[in-house]
Amino acid sequence: MRPKDPCKANACMIQKCLNENNYQESACTEVIELMRLCCVKWGTKSFVCNGIKTEKPEGTKAEESEPEPENKTKST
């Protein structure tokens, strides 16, 4: 018998969320992020993580909150 998949519950939460939200991925970003984090931790031991991208997607809150570089010019 195969051992229990450590990320299967996350995969089920994604399916449930997508089903309840007419498959609008934007409504399920929190559960998708939980799945990504699970796959970062258990990727090689989790069958459901096969093919999941574990890189942090662009435009995340952490990236959006970075301050813009200031453009300092001398006025004469």
PDB file of N, CA and C in Angstrom:
ATOM      1  N   MET A   1       0.847  -1.178   0.000  1.00  0.00           N
ATOM      2  CA  MET A   1       0.000   0.000   0.000  1.00  0.00           C
ATOM      3  C   MET A   1       0.898   1.249   0.000  1.00  0.00           C
ATOM      4  N   ARG A   2       0.499   2.228  -0.773  1.00  0.00           N
ATOM      5  CA  ARG A   2       1.222   3.487  -0.865  1.00  0.00           C
ATOM      6  C   ARG A   2       0.995   4.336   0.378  1.00  0.00           C
ATOM      7  N   PRO A   3       2.046   5.049   0.843  1.00  0.00           N
ATOM      8  CA  PRO A   3       1.839   5.944   1.989  1.00  0.00           C
ATOM      9  C   PRO A   3       0.934   7.111   1.603  1.00  0.00           C
ATOM     10  N   LYS A   4       0.311   7.715   2.600  1.00  0.00           N
ATOM     11  CA  LYS A   4      -0.593   8.842   2.372  1.00  0.00           C
ATOM     12  C   LYS A   4       0.177  10.010   1.758  1.00  0.00           C
ATOM     13  N   ASP A   5      -0.410  10.631   0.729  1.00  0.00           N
ATOM     14  CA  ASP A   5       0.210  11.776   0.063  1.00  0.00           C
ATOM     15  C   ASP A   5       0.078  13.004   0.957  1.00  0.00           C
ATOM     16  N   PRO A   6       1.192  13.652   1.319  1.00  0.00           N
ATOM     17  CA  PRO A   6       1.128  14.778   2.254  1.00  0.00           C
ATOM     18  C   PRO A   6       0.423  16.023   1.705  1.00  0.00           C
ATOM     19  N   CYS A   7       0.240  16.122   0.389  1.00  0.00           N
ATOM     20  CA  CYS A   7      -0.390  17.320  -0.191  1.00  0.00           C
ATOM     21  C   CYS A   7      -1.762  17.040  -0.802  1.00  0.00           C
ATOM     22  N   LYS A   8      -2.268  15.827  -0.636  1.00  0.00           N
ATOM     23  CA  LYS A   8      -3.560  15.477  -1.229  1.00  0.00           C
ATOM     24  C   LYS A   8      -4.690  16.358  -0.692  1.00  0.00           C
ATOM     25  N   ALA A   9      -4.683  16.649   0.601  1.00  0.00           N
ATOM     26  CA  ALA A   9      -5.740  17.488   1.180  1.00  0.00           C
ATOM     27  C   ALA A   9      -5.752  18.870   0.534  1.00  0.00           C
ATOM     28  N   ASN A  10      -4.572  19.402   0.222  1.00  0.00           N
ATOM     29  CA  ASN A  10      -4.491  20.704  -0.442  1.00  0.00           C
ATOM     30  C   ASN A  10      -5.082  20.632  -1.847  1.00  0.00           C
ATOM     31  N   ALA A  11      -4.800  19.556  -2.557  1.00  0.00           N
ATOM     32  CA  ALA A  11      -5.349  19.381  -3.901  1.00  0.00           C
ATOM     33  C   ALA A  11      -6.873  19.314  -3.849  1.00  0.00           C
ATOM     34  N   CYS A  12      -7.402  18.646  -2.849  1.00  0.00           N
ATOM     35  CA  CYS A  12      -8.860  18.560  -2.685  1.00  0.00           C
ATOM     36  C   CYS A  12      -9.459  19.926  -2.366  1.00  0.00           C
ATOM     37  N   MET A  13      -8.756  20.721  -1.548  1.00  0.00           N
ATOM     38  CA  MET A  13      -9.245  22.072  -1.225  1.00  0.00           C
ATOM     39  C   MET A  13      -9.287  22.952  -2.476  1.00  0.00           C
ATOM     40  N   ILE A  14      -8.290  22.802  -3.351  1.00  0.00           N
ATOM     41  CA  ILE A  14      -8.283  23.576  -4.594  1.00  0.00           C
ATOM     42  C   ILE A  14      -9.471  23.185  -5.457  1.00  0.00           C
ATOM     43  N   GLN A  15      -9.710  21.893  -5.618  1.00  0.00           N
ATOM     44  CA  GLN A  15     -10.840  21.439  -6.432  1.00  0.00           C
ATOM     45  C   GLN A  15     -12.159  21.955  -5.878  1.00  0.00           C
ATOM     46  N   LYS A  16     -12.314  21.893  -4.567  1.00  0.00           N
ATOM     47  CA  LYS A  16     -13.548  22.373  -3.937  1.00  0.00           C
ATOM     48  C   LYS A  16     -13.720  23.871  -4.168  1.00  0.00           C
ATOM     49  N   CYS A  17     -12.649  24.631  -3.954  1.00  0.00           N
ATOM     50  CA  CYS A  17     -12.715  26.083  -4.126  1.00  0.00           C
ATOM     51  C   CYS A  17     -13.041  26.447  -5.571  1.00  0.00           C
ATOM     52  N   LEU A  18     -12.362  25.817  -6.516  1.00  0.00           N
ATOM     53  CA  LEU A  18     -12.623  26.112  -7.927  1.00  0.00           C
ATOM     54  C   LEU A  18     -14.056  25.766  -8.304  1.00  0.00           C
ATOM     55  N   ASN A  19     -14.549  24.641  -7.837  1.00  0.00           N
ATOM     56  CA  ASN A  19     -15.923  24.224  -8.123  1.00  0.00           C
ATOM     57  C   ASN A  19     -16.927  25.230  -7.561  1.00  0.00           C
ATOM     58  N   GLU A  20     -16.689  25.693  -6.340  1.00  0.00           N
ATOM     59  CA  GLU A  20     -17.608  26.639  -5.687  1.00  0.00           C
ATOM     60  C   GLU A  20     -17.538  28.044  -6.290  1.00  0.00           C
ATOM     61  N   ASN A  21     -16.456  28.347  -7.013  1.00  0.00           N
ATOM     62  CA  ASN A  21     -16.259  29.690  -7.567  1.00  0.00           C
ATOM     63  C   ASN A  21     -16.217  29.694  -9.098  1.00  0.00           C
ATOM     64  N   ASN A  22     -16.960  28.768  -9.699  1.00  0.00           N
ATOM     65  CA  ASN A  22     -17.057  28.693 -11.163  1.00  0.00           C
ATOM     66  C   ASN A  22     -15.692  28.683 -11.845  1.00  0.00           C
ATOM     67  N   TYR A  23     -14.747  27.997 -11.234  1.00  0.00           N
ATOM     68  CA  TYR A  23     -13.406  27.805 -11.775  1.00  0.00           C
ATOM     69  C   TYR A  23     -12.662  29.113 -12.033  1.00  0.00           C
ATOM     70  N   GLN A  24     -12.937  30.104 -11.193  1.00  0.00           N
ATOM     71  CA  GLN A  24     -12.211  31.374 -11.241  1.00  0.00           C
ATOM     72  C   GLN A  24     -10.989  31.252 -10.329  1.00  0.00           C
ATOM     73  N   GLU A  25      -9.837  31.072 -10.942  1.00  0.00           N
ATOM     74  CA  GLU A  25      -8.605  30.865 -10.183  1.00  0.00           C
ATOM     75  C   GLU A  25      -8.318  32.011  -9.210  1.00  0.00           C
ATOM     76  N   SER A  26      -8.690  33.226  -9.589  1.00  0.00           N
ATOM     77  CA  SER A  26      -8.419  34.387  -8.735  1.00  0.00           C
ATOM     78  C   SER A  26      -9.152  34.305  -7.395  1.00  0.00           C
ATOM     79  N   ALA A  27     -10.235  33.551  -7.330  1.00  0.00           N
ATOM     80  CA  ALA A  27     -10.984  33.401  -6.083  1.00  0.00           C
ATOM     81  C   ALA A  27     -10.343  32.365  -5.155  1.00  0.00           C
ATOM     82  N   CYS A  28      -9.359  31.647  -5.652  1.00  0.00           N
ATOM     83  CA  CYS A  28      -8.769  30.549  -4.879  1.00  0.00           C
ATOM     84  C   CYS A  28      -7.268  30.724  -4.654  1.00  0.00           C
ATOM     85  N   THR A  29      -6.788  31.943  -4.719  1.00  0.00           N
ATOM     86  CA  THR A  29      -5.346  32.160  -4.613  1.00  0.00           C
ATOM     87  C   THR A  29      -4.770  31.684  -3.280  1.00  0.00           C
ATOM     88  N   GLU A  30      -5.535  31.808  -2.207  1.00  0.00           N
ATOM     89  CA  GLU A  30      -5.015  31.382  -0.893  1.00  0.00           C
ATOM     90  C   GLU A  30      -4.793  29.873  -0.840  1.00  0.00           C
ATOM     91  N   VAL A  31      -5.755  29.095  -1.324  1.00  0.00           N
ATOM     92  CA  VAL A  31      -5.585  27.636  -1.277  1.00  0.00           C
ATOM     93  C   VAL A  31      -4.546  27.177  -2.295  1.00  0.00           C
ATOM     94  N   ILE A  32      -4.427  27.891  -3.402  1.00  0.00           N
ATOM     95  CA  ILE A  32      -3.391  27.564  -4.386  1.00  0.00           C
ATOM     96  C   ILE A  32      -2.010  27.823  -3.790  1.00  0.00           C
ATOM     97  N   GLU A  33      -1.873  28.911  -3.052  1.00  0.00           N
ATOM     98  CA  GLU A  33      -0.597  29.211  -2.396  1.00  0.00           C
ATOM     99  C   GLU A  33      -0.272  28.159  -1.330  1.00  0.00           C
ATOM    100  N   LEU A  34      -1.274  27.691  -0.599  1.00  0.00           N
ATOM    101  CA  LEU A  34      -1.042  26.618   0.380  1.00  0.00           C
ATOM    102  C   LEU A  34      -0.542  25.357  -0.318  1.00  0.00           C
ATOM    103  N   MET A  35      -1.093  25.062  -1.487  1.00  0.00           N
ATOM    104  CA  MET A  35      -0.653  23.897  -2.256  1.00  0.00           C
ATOM    105  C   MET A  35       0.790  24.089  -2.706  1.00  0.00           C
ATOM    106  N   ARG A  36       1.114  25.280  -3.185  1.00  0.00           N
ATOM    107  CA  ARG A  36       2.477  25.558  -3.633  1.00  0.00           C
ATOM    108  C   ARG A  36       3.469  25.358  -2.482  1.00  0.00           C
ATOM    109  N   LEU A  37       3.114  25.875  -1.306  1.00  0.00           N
ATOM    110  CA  LEU A  37       3.989  25.730  -0.141  1.00  0.00           C
ATOM    111  C   LEU A  37       4.146  24.270   0.265  1.00  0.00           C
ATOM    112  N   CYS A  38       3.069  23.510   0.183  1.00  0.00           N
ATOM    113  CA  CYS A  38       3.138  22.081   0.488  1.00  0.00           C
ATOM    114  C   CYS A  38       4.073  21.384  -0.501  1.00  0.00           C
ATOM    115  N   CYS A  39       3.965  21.753  -1.769  1.00  0.00           N
ATOM    116  CA  CYS A  39       4.811  21.134  -2.790  1.00  0.00           C
ATOM    117  C   CYS A  39       6.268  21.548  -2.655  1.00  0.00           C
ATOM    118  N   VAL A  40       6.517  22.755  -2.166  1.00  0.00           N
ATOM    119  CA  VAL A  40       7.895  23.166  -1.893  1.00  0.00           C
ATOM    120  C   VAL A  40       8.485  22.230  -0.839  1.00  0.00           C
ATOM    121  N   LYS A  41       7.686  21.918   0.169  1.00  0.00           N
ATOM    122  CA  LYS A  41       8.157  21.076   1.271  1.00  0.00           C
ATOM    123  C   LYS A  41       8.210  19.594   0.896  1.00  0.00           C
ATOM    124  N   TRP A  42       7.184  19.086   0.227  1.00  0.00           N
ATOM    125  CA  TRP A  42       7.027  17.657   0.012  1.00  0.00           C
ATOM    126  C   TRP A  42       7.103  17.227  -1.452  1.00  0.00           C
ATOM    127  N   GLY A  43       7.442  18.125  -2.363  1.00  0.00           N
ATOM    128  CA  GLY A  43       7.371  17.870  -3.799  1.00  0.00           C
ATOM    129  C   GLY A  43       7.793  16.493  -4.275  1.00  0.00           C
ATOM    130  N   THR A  44       8.955  16.024  -3.861  1.00  0.00           N
ATOM    131  CA  THR A  44       9.435  14.731  -4.345  1.00  0.00           C
ATOM    132  C   THR A  44       8.696  13.558  -3.716  1.00  0.00           C
ATOM    133  N   LYS A  45       8.026  13.776  -2.607  1.00  0.00           N
ATOM    134  CA  LYS A  45       7.303  12.704  -1.924  1.00  0.00           C
ATOM    135  C   LYS A  45       5.795  12.761  -2.179  1.00  0.00           C
ATOM    136  N   SER A  46       5.346  13.769  -2.923  1.00  0.00           N
ATOM    137  CA  SER A  46       3.917  13.949  -3.155  1.00  0.00           C
ATOM    138  C   SER A  46       3.576  13.726  -4.622  1.00  0.00           C
ATOM    139  N   PHE A  47       2.725  12.747  -4.883  1.00  0.00           N
ATOM    140  CA  PHE A  47       2.284  12.450  -6.241  1.00  0.00           C
ATOM    141  C   PHE A  47       1.486  13.609  -6.821  1.00  0.00           C
ATOM    142  N   VAL A  48       0.656  14.279  -6.012  1.00  0.00           N
ATOM    143  CA  VAL A  48      -0.198  15.355  -6.523  1.00  0.00           C
ATOM    144  C   VAL A  48       0.600  16.609  -6.875  1.00  0.00           C
ATOM    145  N   CYS A  49       1.855  16.690  -6.448  1.00  0.00           N
ATOM    146  CA  CYS A  49       2.689  17.852  -6.779  1.00  0.00           C
ATOM    147  C   CYS A  49       3.391  17.703  -8.126  1.00  0.00           C
ATOM    148  N   ASN A  50       3.243  16.565  -8.759  1.00  0.00           N
ATOM    149  CA  ASN A  50       3.869  16.342 -10.052  1.00  0.00           C
ATOM    150  C   ASN A  50       3.387  17.394 -11.052  1.00  0.00           C
ATOM    151  N   GLY A  51       4.304  18.230 -11.538  1.00  0.00           N
ATOM    152  CA  GLY A  51       3.958  19.261 -12.506  1.00  0.00           C
ATOM    153  C   GLY A  51       3.598  20.606 -11.910  1.00  0.00           C
ATOM    154  N   ILE A  52       3.547  20.711 -10.587  1.00  0.00           N
ATOM    155  CA  ILE A  52       3.220  21.981  -9.932  1.00  0.00           C
ATOM    156  C   ILE A  52       4.465  22.866  -9.922  1.00  0.00           C
ATOM    157  N   LYS A  53       4.303  24.114 -10.348  1.00  0.00           N
ATOM    158  CA  LYS A  53       5.412  25.069 -10.291  1.00  0.00           C
ATOM    159  C   LYS A  53       5.535  25.565  -8.852  1.00  0.00           C
ATOM    160  N   THR A  54       6.731  25.473  -8.305  1.00  0.00           N
ATOM    161  CA  THR A  54       6.922  25.867  -6.912  1.00  0.00           C
ATOM    162  C   THR A  54       7.554  27.248  -6.771  1.00  0.00           C
ATOM    163  N   GLU A  55       7.881  27.892  -7.895  1.00  0.00           N
ATOM    164  CA  GLU A  55       8.413  29.251  -7.815  1.00  0.00           C
ATOM    165  C   GLU A  55       7.290  30.198  -7.420  1.00  0.00           C
ATOM    166  N   LYS A  56       7.624  31.231  -6.667  1.00  0.00           N
ATOM    167  CA  LYS A  56       6.639  32.241  -6.262  1.00  0.00           C
ATOM    168  C   LYS A  56       6.190  32.986  -7.516  1.00  0.00           C
ATOM    169  N   PRO A  57       4.881  33.064  -7.761  1.00  0.00           N
ATOM    170  CA  PRO A  57       4.405  33.756  -8.960  1.00  0.00           C
ATOM    171  C   PRO A  57       4.691  35.254  -8.899  1.00  0.00           C
ATOM    172  N   GLU A  58       4.878  35.860 -10.075  1.00  0.00           N
ATOM    173  CA  GLU A  58       5.113  37.306 -10.135  1.00  0.00           C
ATOM    174  C   GLU A  58       3.865  38.046  -9.686  1.00  0.00           C
ATOM    175  N   GLY A  59       4.076  39.248  -9.132  1.00  0.00           N
ATOM    176  CA  GLY A  59       2.943  40.062  -8.711  1.00  0.00           C
ATOM    177  C   GLY A  59       2.369  39.657  -7.373  1.00  0.00           C
ATOM    178  N   THR A  60       3.163  38.970  -6.556  1.00  0.00           N
ATOM    179  CA  THR A  60       2.680  38.583  -5.235  1.00  0.00           C
ATOM    180  C   THR A  60       2.744  39.776  -4.305  1.00  0.00           C
ATOM    181  N   LYS A  61       2.098  39.671  -3.177  1.00  0.00           N
ATOM    182  CA  LYS A  61       2.043  40.775  -2.217  1.00  0.00           C
ATOM    183  C   LYS A  61       3.434  41.237  -1.810  1.00  0.00           C
ATOM    184  N   ALA A  62       4.352  40.309  -1.618  1.00  0.00           N
ATOM    185  CA  ALA A  62       5.701  40.675  -1.198  1.00  0.00           C
ATOM    186  C   ALA A  62       6.376  41.535  -2.259  1.00  0.00           C
ATOM    187  N   GLU A  63       6.196  41.179  -3.524  1.00  0.00           N
ATOM    188  CA  GLU A  63       6.809  41.958  -4.587  1.00  0.00           C
ATOM    189  C   GLU A  63       6.104  43.296  -4.773  1.00  0.00           C
ATOM    190  N   GLU A  64       4.799  43.310  -4.615  1.00  0.00           N
ATOM    191  CA  GLU A  64       4.046  44.537  -4.808  1.00  0.00           C
ATOM    192  C   GLU A  64       4.355  45.570  -3.732  1.00  0.00           C
ATOM    193  N   SER A  65       4.757  45.117  -2.547  1.00  0.00           N
ATOM    194  CA  SER A  65       4.986  46.050  -1.455  1.00  0.00           C
ATOM    195  C   SER A  65       6.397  46.625  -1.444  1.00  0.00           C
ATOM    196  N   GLU A  66       7.256  46.166  -2.359  1.00  0.00           N
ATOM    197  CA  GLU A  66       8.603  46.712  -2.405  1.00  0.00           C
ATOM    198  C   GLU A  66       8.536  48.168  -2.840  1.00  0.00           C
ATOM    199  N   PRO A  67       9.282  49.037  -2.173  1.00  0.00           N
ATOM    200  CA  PRO A  67       9.238  50.455  -2.537  1.00  0.00           C
ATOM    201  C   PRO A  67       9.885  50.701  -3.890  1.00  0.00           C
ATOM    202  N   GLU A  68       9.342  51.664  -4.590  1.00  0.00           N
ATOM    203  CA  GLU A  68       9.904  52.072  -5.872  1.00  0.00           C
ATOM    204  C   GLU A  68      11.184  52.853  -5.605  1.00  0.00           C
ATOM    205  N   PRO A  69      12.206  52.677  -6.448  1.00  0.00           N
ATOM    206  CA  PRO A  69      13.420  53.473  -6.250  1.00  0.00           C
ATOM    207  C   PRO A  69      13.121  54.943  -6.522  1.00  0.00           C
ATOM    208  N   GLU A  70      13.697  55.792  -5.683  1.00  0.00           N
ATOM    209  CA  GLU A  70      13.455  57.222  -5.836  1.00  0.00           C
ATOM    210  C   GLU A  70      14.362  57.778  -6.919  1.00  0.00           C
ATOM    211  N   ASN A  71      13.812  58.639  -7.722  1.00  0.00           N
ATOM    212  CA  ASN A  71      14.575  59.284  -8.772  1.00  0.00           C
ATOM    213  C   ASN A  71      14.955  60.676  -8.287  1.00  0.00           C
ATOM    214  N   LYS A  72      16.146  60.782  -7.730  1.00  0.00           N
ATOM    215  CA  LYS A  72      16.579  62.056  -7.158  1.00  0.00           C
ATOM    216  C   LYS A  72      17.352  62.838  -8.211  1.00  0.00           C
ATOM    217  N   THR A  73      16.827  63.978  -8.539  1.00  0.00           N
ATOM    218  CA  THR A  73      17.529  64.859  -9.469  1.00  0.00           C
ATOM    219  C   THR A  73      17.725  66.205  -8.797  1.00  0.00           C
ATOM    220  N   LYS A  74      18.839  66.822  -9.102  1.00  0.00           N
ATOM    221  CA  LYS A  74      19.112  68.145  -8.534  1.00  0.00           C
ATOM    222  C   LYS A  74      18.380  69.193  -9.345  1.00  0.00           C
ATOM    223  N   SER A  75      17.701  70.057  -8.669  1.00  0.00           N
ATOM    224  CA  SER A  75      17.066  71.163  -9.377  1.00  0.00           C
ATOM    225  C   SER A  75      17.972  72.374  -9.283  1.00  0.00           C
ATOM    226  N   THR A  76      18.123  73.067 -10.384  1.00  0.00           N
ATOM    227  CA  THR A  76      19.005  74.235 -10.396  1.00  0.00           C
ATOM    228  C   THR A  76      18.254  75.512 -10.604  1.00  0.00           C
TER     229      THR A  76
END
